[in-house]
Amino acid sequence: MLCTCEKCKIRNYFFKTLQPEDLKNFCNARTELIVPSGKTFIVQGKKIKSFKYLQSGLIKLHKKDNNGREQIISFGKPSDFVSIHNIFAEDYYSYSVTAIEKSSICTFDMNLIMNLIKTNGEFAFKIIQTTTKASNKIISNSLDLIRKSMYGKVAGVILFFYLKVYKTKEFELPVSRKEIAQYTGLSIETVIRVISEFRRDGLIKVYGKSIEIVDESGLVFIYEHS
């Protein structure tokens, strides 16, 4: 596909540390993948061969435990480096990544990235900085979920997609009730009941998979205080 790395947000994160000629070489070496909704493009247990960047779309990071139960770790939006969490510490992915909307993924060969880390101190620092921020975000979100009641957890998911992703009060929820349960640690029945209560109390309107936020302040209050 046509190379537009010099205009991409990824440059603001890492590649602004490169000289124009080096940026051109990396750009020419990249592969851009269009991933349909529902397709898993990083598989838990598979060998890590590339560095991946979410250019557009929406994804979920998820992991199976020893009993085969699925747990969603986090959701990722554009500008997130979806494969950054363990690629420099392990040879195999410890989680899977699945598109929950049609997504565009840029991939770079790991050998190129590792060579750049060894030869470019500023780039290496950006890698460490971004890895730390990504890990801190997951830890913070996990601790936040643990402290919340079932109402606060579900309100937090709805507010995330409203404030961080779509930025409009009416949108189609890209995840199922089951996926909300896998992320929050609640049962599917509890998630359905809480959404029904939010609708009954006039906080939201629900039209199939579409949600309209009616009382934003009320939803925020529940998230912050329960």
C-alpha atoms as a PDB file:
ATOM      1  CA  MET A   1       0.000   0.000   0.000  1.00  0.00           C
ATOM      2  CA  LEU A   2       1.079   3.620  -0.503  1.00  0.00           C
ATOM      3  CA  CYS A   3       3.641   4.633   2.085  1.00  0.00           C
ATOM      4  CA  THR A   4       2.537   7.523   4.294  1.00  0.00           C
ATOM      5  CA  CYS A   5       4.760   6.977   7.330  1.00  0.00           C
ATOM      6  CA  GLU A   6       5.922  10.578   7.358  1.00  0.00           C
ATOM      7  CA  LYS A   7       2.308  11.644   8.018  1.00  0.00           C
ATOM      8  CA  CYS A   8       1.446   8.875  10.471  1.00  0.00           C
ATOM      9  CA  LYS A   9       1.031   9.378  14.211  1.00  0.00           C
ATOM     10  CA  ILE A  10       3.628   6.679  14.788  1.00  0.00           C
ATOM     11  CA  ARG A  11       6.290   9.254  13.830  1.00  0.00           C
ATOM     12  CA  ASN A  12       5.263  11.390  16.797  1.00  0.00           C
ATOM     13  CA  TYR A  13       5.897   8.429  19.098  1.00  0.00           C
ATOM     14  CA  PHE A  14       9.070   6.828  17.781  1.00  0.00           C
ATOM     15  CA  PHE A  15      10.178   7.625  14.284  1.00  0.00           C
ATOM     16  CA  LYS A  16      10.722  11.342  14.784  1.00  0.00           C
ATOM     17  CA  THR A  17      14.016  10.102  16.236  1.00  0.00           C
ATOM     18  CA  LEU A  18      15.020   8.827  12.762  1.00  0.00           C
ATOM     19  CA  GLN A  19      16.761  10.614   9.967  1.00  0.00           C
ATOM     20  CA  PRO A  20      14.653  11.001   6.781  1.00  0.00           C
ATOM     21  CA  GLU A  21      16.589   8.282   4.949  1.00  0.00           C
ATOM     22  CA  ASP A  22      16.197   5.836   7.860  1.00  0.00           C
ATOM     23  CA  LEU A  23      12.485   6.640   8.050  1.00  0.00           C
ATOM     24  CA  LYS A  24      12.165   5.898   4.342  1.00  0.00           C
ATOM     25  CA  ASN A  25      13.863   2.521   4.803  1.00  0.00           C
ATOM     26  CA  PHE A  26      11.531   1.574   7.650  1.00  0.00           C
ATOM     27  CA  CYS A  27       8.527   2.769   5.710  1.00  0.00           C
ATOM     28  CA  ASN A  28       9.488   0.660   2.706  1.00  0.00           C
ATOM     29  CA  ALA A  29       9.980  -2.386   4.943  1.00  0.00           C
ATOM     30  CA  ARG A  30       6.583  -2.179   6.596  1.00  0.00           C
ATOM     31  CA  THR A  31       3.491  -4.247   5.826  1.00  0.00           C
ATOM     32  CA  GLU A  32      -0.012  -2.870   6.238  1.00  0.00           C
ATOM     33  CA  LEU A  33      -2.768  -5.349   7.034  1.00  0.00           C
ATOM     34  CA  ILE A  34      -6.515  -4.755   6.911  1.00  0.00           C
ATOM     35  CA  VAL A  35      -8.059  -6.932   9.618  1.00  0.00           C
ATOM     36  CA  PRO A  36     -11.830  -7.559   9.567  1.00  0.00           C
ATOM     37  CA  SER A  37     -13.896  -7.372  12.731  1.00  0.00           C
ATOM     38  CA  GLY A  38     -13.691 -10.581  14.734  1.00  0.00           C
ATOM     39  CA  LYS A  39     -10.346 -11.748  13.321  1.00  0.00           C
ATOM     40  CA  THR A  40      -7.525 -12.606  15.737  1.00  0.00           C
ATOM     41  CA  PHE A  41      -4.207 -11.388  14.318  1.00  0.00           C
ATOM     42  CA  ILE A  42      -1.995 -12.038  17.355  1.00  0.00           C
ATOM     43  CA  VAL A  43      -2.364 -15.504  18.851  1.00  0.00           C
ATOM     44  CA  GLN A  44      -1.373 -16.408  22.415  1.00  0.00           C
ATOM     45  CA  GLY A  45       1.573 -18.820  22.370  1.00  0.00           C
ATOM     46  CA  LYS A  46       2.745 -17.937  18.854  1.00  0.00           C
ATOM     47  CA  LYS A  47       6.318 -16.777  18.227  1.00  0.00           C
ATOM     48  CA  ILE A  48       6.836 -13.001  18.085  1.00  0.00           C
ATOM     49  CA  LYS A  49       8.147 -12.006  14.668  1.00  0.00           C
ATOM     50  CA  SER A  50       6.989  -8.426  14.175  1.00  0.00           C
ATOM     51  CA  PHE A  51       6.249  -5.111  15.844  1.00  0.00           C
ATOM     52  CA  LYS A  52       2.620  -4.058  15.336  1.00  0.00           C
ATOM     53  CA  TYR A  53       0.960  -0.654  15.417  1.00  0.00           C
ATOM     54  CA  LEU A  54      -2.780   0.031  15.312  1.00  0.00           C
ATOM     55  CA  GLN A  55      -3.267   2.713  12.652  1.00  0.00           C
ATOM     56  CA  SER A  56      -7.075   2.685  12.674  1.00  0.00           C
ATOM     57  CA  GLY A  57      -9.885   0.633  14.151  1.00  0.00           C
ATOM     58  CA  LEU A  58     -10.400  -0.954  17.552  1.00  0.00           C
ATOM     59  CA  ILE A  59      -8.993  -4.102  19.144  1.00  0.00           C
ATOM     60  CA  LYS A  60      -9.097  -6.156  22.338  1.00  0.00           C
ATOM     61  CA  LEU A  61      -6.186  -7.826  24.150  1.00  0.00           C
ATOM     62  CA  HIS A  62      -7.309 -11.097  25.707  1.00  0.00           C
ATOM     63  CA  LYS A  63      -5.827 -14.146  27.360  1.00  0.00           C
ATOM     64  CA  LYS A  64      -6.896 -17.705  28.165  1.00  0.00           C
ATOM     65  CA  ASP A  65      -6.131 -19.051  31.630  1.00  0.00           C
ATOM     66  CA  ASN A  66      -5.092 -22.630  32.366  1.00  0.00           C
ATOM     67  CA  ASN A  67      -8.740 -23.677  32.410  1.00  0.00           C
ATOM     68  CA  GLY A  68      -9.400 -22.204  28.985  1.00  0.00           C
ATOM     69  CA  ARG A  69     -11.445 -19.280  30.291  1.00  0.00           C
ATOM     70  CA  GLU A  70     -11.165 -16.064  28.301  1.00  0.00           C
ATOM     71  CA  GLN A  71     -10.287 -12.796  30.039  1.00  0.00           C
ATOM     72  CA  ILE A  72     -10.132  -9.459  28.251  1.00  0.00           C
ATOM     73  CA  ILE A  73      -7.085  -7.494  29.439  1.00  0.00           C
ATOM     74  CA  SER A  74      -7.773  -4.172  27.740  1.00  0.00           C
ATOM     75  CA  PHE A  75      -9.133  -2.449  24.662  1.00  0.00           C
ATOM     76  CA  GLY A  76      -6.874  -0.661  22.194  1.00  0.00           C
ATOM     77  CA  LYS A  77      -7.565   2.301  19.935  1.00  0.00           C
ATOM     78  CA  PRO A  78      -5.532   4.002  17.178  1.00  0.00           C
ATOM     79  CA  SER A  79      -1.997   5.058  18.121  1.00  0.00           C
ATOM     80  CA  ASP A  80      -1.693   2.122  20.532  1.00  0.00           C
ATOM     81  CA  PHE A  81       1.199  -0.282  19.956  1.00  0.00           C
ATOM     82  CA  VAL A  82      -0.798  -3.462  20.307  1.00  0.00           C
ATOM     83  CA  SER A  83       2.135  -5.878  20.506  1.00  0.00           C
ATOM     84  CA  ILE A  84       4.398  -3.880  22.786  1.00  0.00           C
ATOM     85  CA  HIS A  85       3.531  -5.427  26.154  1.00  0.00           C
ATOM     86  CA  ASN A  86       5.882  -8.415  26.098  1.00  0.00           C
ATOM     87  CA  ILE A  87       7.732  -8.398  22.776  1.00  0.00           C
ATOM     88  CA  PHE A  88      11.059  -7.344  24.314  1.00  0.00           C
ATOM     89  CA  ALA A  89      10.912  -9.758  27.249  1.00  0.00           C
ATOM     90  CA  GLU A  90       9.619 -12.977  25.700  1.00  0.00           C
ATOM     91  CA  ASP A  91       9.821 -14.956  22.463  1.00  0.00           C
ATOM     92  CA  TYR A  92       6.150 -15.876  22.394  1.00  0.00           C
ATOM     93  CA  TYR A  93       2.977 -13.854  22.845  1.00  0.00           C
ATOM     94  CA  SER A  94       1.398 -14.233  26.280  1.00  0.00           C
ATOM     95  CA  TYR A  95      -1.950 -12.884  25.032  1.00  0.00           C
ATOM     96  CA  SER A  96      -4.057 -12.676  21.857  1.00  0.00           C
ATOM     97  CA  VAL A  97      -5.270  -9.584  19.997  1.00  0.00           C
ATOM     98  CA  THR A  98      -8.538  -9.501  18.049  1.00  0.00           C
ATOM     99  CA  ALA A  99     -10.097  -6.718  15.977  1.00  0.00           C
ATOM    100  CA  ILE A 100     -13.502  -5.669  17.302  1.00  0.00           C
ATOM    101  CA  GLU A 101     -13.879  -3.256  14.383  1.00  0.00           C
ATOM    102  CA  LYS A 102     -12.277  -3.339  10.951  1.00  0.00           C
ATOM    103  CA  SER A 103      -8.695  -2.296  11.672  1.00  0.00           C
ATOM    104  CA  SER A 104      -5.557  -1.271   9.827  1.00  0.00           C
ATOM    105  CA  ILE A 105      -2.357  -2.693  11.329  1.00  0.00           C
ATOM    106  CA  CYS A 106       1.177  -1.628  10.399  1.00  0.00           C
ATOM    107  CA  THR A 107       3.822  -4.260  11.049  1.00  0.00           C
ATOM    108  CA  PHE A 108       7.601  -3.946  11.139  1.00  0.00           C
ATOM    109  CA  ASP A 109      10.107  -6.778  11.201  1.00  0.00           C
ATOM    110  CA  MET A 110      11.408  -7.274  14.748  1.00  0.00           C
ATOM    111  CA  ASN A 111      15.012  -7.468  13.556  1.00  0.00           C
ATOM    112  CA  LEU A 112      14.771  -3.902  12.233  1.00  0.00           C
ATOM    113  CA  ILE A 113      13.281  -2.660  15.507  1.00  0.00           C
ATOM    114  CA  MET A 114      15.865  -4.470  17.645  1.00  0.00           C
ATOM    115  CA  ASN A 115      18.724  -3.098  15.541  1.00  0.00           C
ATOM    116  CA  LEU A 116      17.347   0.415  15.949  1.00  0.00           C
ATOM    117  CA  ILE A 117      17.118  -0.034  19.724  1.00  0.00           C
ATOM    118  CA  LYS A 118      20.789  -1.028  19.810  1.00  0.00           C
ATOM    119  CA  THR A 119      21.991   1.874  17.660  1.00  0.00           C
ATOM    120  CA  ASN A 120      19.637   4.745  18.540  1.00  0.00           C
ATOM    121  CA  GLY A 121      19.512   5.720  22.207  1.00  0.00           C
ATOM    122  CA  GLU A 122      16.647   8.187  21.772  1.00  0.00           C
ATOM    123  CA  PHE A 123      14.541   5.559  20.032  1.00  0.00           C
ATOM    124  CA  ALA A 124      15.351   3.025  22.781  1.00  0.00           C
ATOM    125  CA  PHE A 125      14.248   5.561  25.405  1.00  0.00           C
ATOM    126  CA  LYS A 126      10.933   6.076  23.579  1.00  0.00           C
ATOM    127  CA  ILE A 127      10.405   2.306  23.545  1.00  0.00           C
ATOM    128  CA  ILE A 128      10.994   2.072  27.305  1.00  0.00           C
ATOM    129  CA  GLN A 129       8.768   5.081  27.945  1.00  0.00           C
ATOM    130  CA  THR A 130       5.905   3.739  25.824  1.00  0.00           C
ATOM    131  CA  THR A 131       6.170   0.208  27.239  1.00  0.00           C
ATOM    132  CA  THR A 132       6.033   1.577  30.785  1.00  0.00           C
ATOM    133  CA  LYS A 133       3.012   3.756  30.023  1.00  0.00           C
ATOM    134  CA  ALA A 134       1.182   0.833  28.407  1.00  0.00           C
ATOM    135  CA  SER A 135       1.857  -1.426  31.407  1.00  0.00           C
ATOM    136  CA  ASN A 136       0.886   1.280  33.898  1.00  0.00           C
ATOM    137  CA  LYS A 137      -2.380   1.841  32.031  1.00  0.00           C
ATOM    138  CA  ILE A 138      -3.332  -1.831  32.261  1.00  0.00           C
ATOM    139  CA  ILE A 139      -2.391  -2.002  35.956  1.00  0.00           C
ATOM    140  CA  SER A 140      -4.343   1.171  36.725  1.00  0.00           C
ATOM    141  CA  ASN A 141      -7.425  -0.048  34.839  1.00  0.00           C
ATOM    142  CA  SER A 142      -7.260  -3.453  36.547  1.00  0.00           C
ATOM    143  CA  LEU A 143      -7.040  -1.928  40.025  1.00  0.00           C
ATOM    144  CA  ASP A 144      -9.855   0.456  39.149  1.00  0.00           C
ATOM    145  CA  LEU A 145     -12.097  -2.433  38.089  1.00  0.00           C
ATOM    146  CA  ILE A 146     -11.356  -4.362  41.285  1.00  0.00           C
ATOM    147  CA  ARG A 147     -12.481  -1.433  43.419  1.00  0.00           C
ATOM    148  CA  LYS A 148     -15.708  -0.806  41.516  1.00  0.00           C
ATOM    149  CA  SER A 149     -19.123  -2.297  42.150  1.00  0.00           C
ATOM    150  CA  MET A 150     -20.923  -3.989  39.258  1.00  0.00           C
ATOM    151  CA  TYR A 151     -22.569  -0.656  38.448  1.00  0.00           C
ATOM    152  CA  GLY A 152     -19.286   1.244  38.405  1.00  0.00           C
ATOM    153  CA  LYS A 153     -17.671  -1.410  36.189  1.00  0.00           C
ATOM    154  CA  VAL A 154     -20.361  -1.361  33.508  1.00  0.00           C
ATOM    155  CA  ALA A 155     -20.614   2.434  33.629  1.00  0.00           C
ATOM    156  CA  GLY A 156     -16.840   2.585  33.111  1.00  0.00           C
ATOM    157  CA  VAL A 157     -17.025   0.465  29.940  1.00  0.00           C
ATOM    158  CA  ILE A 158     -19.793   2.608  28.460  1.00  0.00           C
ATOM    159  CA  LEU A 159     -17.946   5.821  29.333  1.00  0.00           C
ATOM    160  CA  PHE A 160     -14.711   4.492  27.830  1.00  0.00           C
ATOM    161  CA  PHE A 161     -16.288   3.990  24.418  1.00  0.00           C
ATOM    162  CA  TYR A 162     -18.117   7.315  24.685  1.00  0.00           C
ATOM    163  CA  LEU A 163     -15.238   9.512  25.908  1.00  0.00           C
ATOM    164  CA  LYS A 164     -12.145   7.755  24.539  1.00  0.00           C
ATOM    165  CA  VAL A 165     -13.309   6.190  21.294  1.00  0.00           C
ATOM    166  CA  TYR A 166     -16.432   7.610  19.634  1.00  0.00           C
ATOM    167  CA  LYS A 167     -16.812  10.945  21.460  1.00  0.00           C
ATOM    168  CA  THR A 168     -20.504  11.088  20.681  1.00  0.00           C
ATOM    169  CA  LYS A 169     -23.392  10.238  22.993  1.00  0.00           C
ATOM    170  CA  GLU A 170     -24.999   7.826  20.561  1.00  0.00           C
ATOM    171  CA  PHE A 171     -22.913   4.977  19.196  1.00  0.00           C
ATOM    172  CA  GLU A 172     -22.993   1.283  18.450  1.00  0.00           C
ATOM    173  CA  LEU A 173     -21.386  -0.648  21.276  1.00  0.00           C
ATOM    174  CA  PRO A 174     -18.607  -2.653  19.571  1.00  0.00           C
ATOM    175  CA  VAL A 175     -18.484  -5.360  22.237  1.00  0.00           C
ATOM    176  CA  SER A 176     -21.063  -7.919  23.281  1.00  0.00           C
ATOM    177  CA  ARG A 177     -22.484  -8.362  26.778  1.00  0.00           C
ATOM    178  CA  LYS A 178     -20.258 -11.439  27.026  1.00  0.00           C
ATOM    179  CA  GLU A 179     -17.144  -9.390  26.219  1.00  0.00           C
ATOM    180  CA  ILE A 180     -18.104  -6.778  28.822  1.00  0.00           C
ATOM    181  CA  ALA A 181     -18.381  -9.635  31.315  1.00  0.00           C
ATOM    182  CA  GLN A 182     -14.964 -10.991  30.292  1.00  0.00           C
ATOM    183  CA  TYR A 183     -13.429  -7.558  30.830  1.00  0.00           C
ATOM    184  CA  THR A 184     -15.139  -6.645  34.113  1.00  0.00           C
ATOM    185  CA  GLY A 185     -15.145 -10.094  35.740  1.00  0.00           C
ATOM    186  CA  LEU A 186     -18.927 -10.047  36.049  1.00  0.00           C
ATOM    187  CA  SER A 187     -21.362 -12.681  34.801  1.00  0.00           C
ATOM    188  CA  ILE A 188     -23.206 -12.078  31.534  1.00  0.00           C
ATOM    189  CA  GLU A 189     -26.486 -12.047  33.464  1.00  0.00           C
ATOM    190  CA  THR A 190     -25.197  -9.308  35.767  1.00  0.00           C
ATOM    191  CA  VAL A 191     -24.049  -7.173  32.825  1.00  0.00           C
ATOM    192  CA  ILE A 192     -27.464  -7.505  31.168  1.00  0.00           C
ATOM    193  CA  ARG A 193     -29.214  -6.628  34.441  1.00  0.00           C
ATOM    194  CA  VAL A 194     -27.073  -3.535  35.079  1.00  0.00           C
ATOM    195  CA  ILE A 195     -27.605  -2.217  31.530  1.00  0.00           C
ATOM    196  CA  SER A 196     -31.351  -2.785  31.959  1.00  0.00           C
ATOM    197  CA  GLU A 197     -31.281  -0.832  35.241  1.00  0.00           C
ATOM    198  CA  PHE A 198     -29.353   2.020  33.609  1.00  0.00           C
ATOM    199  CA  ARG A 199     -32.036   2.137  30.915  1.00  0.00           C
ATOM    200  CA  ARG A 200     -34.887   1.984  33.446  1.00  0.00           C
ATOM    201  CA  ASP A 201     -33.323   4.810  35.475  1.00  0.00           C
ATOM    202  CA  GLY A 202     -33.051   7.032  32.405  1.00  0.00           C
ATOM    203  CA  LEU A 203     -29.258   7.067  32.216  1.00  0.00           C
ATOM    204  CA  ILE A 204     -29.114   5.500  28.750  1.00  0.00           C
ATOM    205  CA  LYS A 205     -31.304   4.375  25.902  1.00  0.00           C
ATOM    206  CA  VAL A 206     -30.632   1.055  24.203  1.00  0.00           C
ATOM    207  CA  TYR A 207     -31.537   0.198  20.618  1.00  0.00           C
ATOM    208  CA  GLY A 208     -30.175  -3.283  19.969  1.00  0.00           C
ATOM    209  CA  LYS A 209     -26.384  -2.777  19.966  1.00  0.00           C
ATOM    210  CA  SER A 210     -26.700   1.014  19.883  1.00  0.00           C
ATOM    211  CA  ILE A 211     -26.502   3.047  23.075  1.00  0.00           C
ATOM    212  CA  GLU A 212     -27.473   6.654  23.640  1.00  0.00           C
ATOM    213  CA  ILE A 213     -26.210   8.383  26.780  1.00  0.00           C
ATOM    214  CA  VAL A 214     -29.087  10.432  28.215  1.00  0.00           C
ATOM    215  CA  ASP A 215     -27.690  11.398  31.620  1.00  0.00           C
ATOM    216  CA  GLU A 216     -23.919  11.731  31.322  1.00  0.00           C
ATOM    217  CA  SER A 217     -23.423  13.273  34.782  1.00  0.00           C
ATOM    218  CA  GLY A 218     -25.445  10.477  36.387  1.00  0.00           C
ATOM    219  CA  LEU A 219     -23.377   7.818  34.635  1.00  0.00           C
ATOM    220  CA  VAL A 220     -20.133   9.543  35.628  1.00  0.00           C
ATOM    221  CA  PHE A 221     -21.334   9.788  39.258  1.00  0.00           C
ATOM    222  CA  ILE A 222     -22.003   6.032  39.336  1.00  0.00           C
ATOM    223  CA  TYR A 223     -18.589   5.312  37.845  1.00  0.00           C
ATOM    224  CA  GLU A 224     -16.765   7.555  40.315  1.00  0.00           C
ATOM    225  CA  HIS A 225     -18.692   6.624  43.471  1.00  0.00           C
ATOM    226  CA  SER A 226     -19.598   2.963  43.189  1.00  0.00           C
END
